[in-house]
């Protein structure tokens, strides 16, 4: 399997998920802000989604990347990179 890519710009880094991203991810997914993503979700469902987002890289060669602010290292969100329907 090729490595999960890291993409850098002067302001942002799109990088592989880390377990330390879970807290911010969980906070988003259980909140009303996730309504446009199909949420809000329970913590258990959010954990399953977090793990599935990461596992897609090894299964399909695409998946989620976390968005990190280069100025402070804060995780700002997530973007999905996919190849469309199987």
Protein backbone atom coordinates (compact mmCIF):
# COMPACT_ATOMS: atom_id res chain seq x y z
CA UNK A 1 0.00 0.00 0.00
CA UNK A 2 1.38 3.45 -0.84
CA UNK A 3 1.79 5.82 2.11
CA UNK A 4 -1.06 8.13 3.06
CA UNK A 5 -0.19 11.49 1.51
CA UNK A 6 0.58 14.73 3.32
CA UNK A 7 -0.15 17.92 1.38
CA UNK A 8 1.27 21.24 2.55
CA UNK A 9 0.45 24.86 1.77
CA UNK A 10 1.72 27.95 3.58
CA UNK A 11 -1.43 27.99 5.79
CA UNK A 12 -2.60 24.37 5.98
CA UNK A 13 -1.40 20.79 6.13
CA UNK A 14 -3.63 17.96 4.94
CA UNK A 15 -2.27 14.94 6.78
CA UNK A 16 -3.08 11.40 7.88
CA UNK A 17 -5.37 11.01 10.87
CA UNK A 18 -3.87 10.55 14.34
CA UNK A 19 -5.53 9.12 17.42
CA UNK A 20 -4.96 12.53 19.03
CA UNK A 21 -7.44 13.96 16.48
CA UNK A 22 -10.23 11.92 18.08
CA UNK A 23 -11.20 14.53 20.70
CA UNK A 24 -11.82 17.29 18.13
CA UNK A 25 -13.51 14.84 15.74
CA UNK A 26 -15.81 13.51 18.45
CA UNK A 27 -16.68 17.01 19.62
CA UNK A 28 -17.74 17.95 16.08
CA UNK A 29 -19.64 14.77 15.28
CA UNK A 30 -21.84 14.82 18.40
CA UNK A 31 -22.65 18.53 17.94
CA UNK A 32 -25.36 20.22 15.89
CA UNK A 33 -22.58 21.45 13.56
CA UNK A 34 -22.49 17.93 12.05
CA UNK A 35 -26.07 18.22 10.73
CA UNK A 36 -24.80 18.66 7.15
CA UNK A 37 -22.74 15.49 7.55
CA UNK A 38 -25.75 13.40 8.59
CA UNK A 39 -25.35 14.04 12.33
CA UNK A 40 -25.36 14.61 15.12
CA UNK A 41 -24.05 11.16 15.97
CA UNK A 42 -23.55 9.26 19.20
CA UNK A 43 -19.99 8.94 20.45
CA UNK A 44 -20.02 5.22 19.57
CA UNK A 45 -21.11 5.89 15.98
CA UNK A 46 -18.59 8.73 15.66
CA UNK A 47 -15.80 6.40 16.82
CA UNK A 48 -16.79 3.87 14.16
CA UNK A 49 -16.74 6.59 11.51
CA UNK A 50 -13.33 7.82 12.71
CA UNK A 51 -11.89 4.31 12.46
CA UNK A 52 -13.55 3.67 9.08
CA UNK A 53 -12.17 6.95 7.70
CA UNK A 54 -8.67 5.80 8.57
CA UNK A 55 -9.14 2.20 7.41
CA UNK A 56 -10.24 3.28 3.94
CA UNK A 57 -6.65 4.13 3.05
CA UNK A 58 -5.51 0.53 3.43
CA UNK A 59 -8.68 -0.91 1.90
CA UNK A 60 -9.24 1.44 -1.04
CA UNK A 61 -6.17 3.70 -1.33
CA UNK A 62 -8.19 6.80 -0.45
CA UNK A 63 -9.85 8.22 2.64
CA UNK A 64 -9.88 11.13 5.04
CA UNK A 65 -7.13 13.65 5.71
CA UNK A 66 -7.09 15.97 8.68
CA UNK A 67 -6.72 19.72 8.12
CA UNK A 68 -4.09 21.28 10.36
CA UNK A 69 -3.26 24.97 10.82
CA UNK A 70 0.46 25.47 10.17
CA UNK A 71 0.69 28.42 12.57
CA UNK A 72 -0.45 26.59 15.70
CA UNK A 73 -0.76 22.88 14.84
CA UNK A 74 -4.49 22.91 15.65
CA UNK A 75 -6.69 20.36 13.87
CA UNK A 76 -9.34 22.39 12.02
CA UNK A 77 -11.35 19.62 10.40
CA UNK A 78 -11.31 16.86 7.87
CA UNK A 79 -11.57 16.42 4.11
CA UNK A 80 -12.44 13.19 2.32
CA UNK A 81 -10.41 12.05 -0.68
CA UNK A 82 -12.23 9.27 -2.49
CA UNK A 83 -12.49 7.59 -5.83
CA UNK A 84 -16.27 7.61 -6.02
CA UNK A 85 -18.62 4.62 -5.99
CA UNK A 86 -17.06 1.19 -5.98
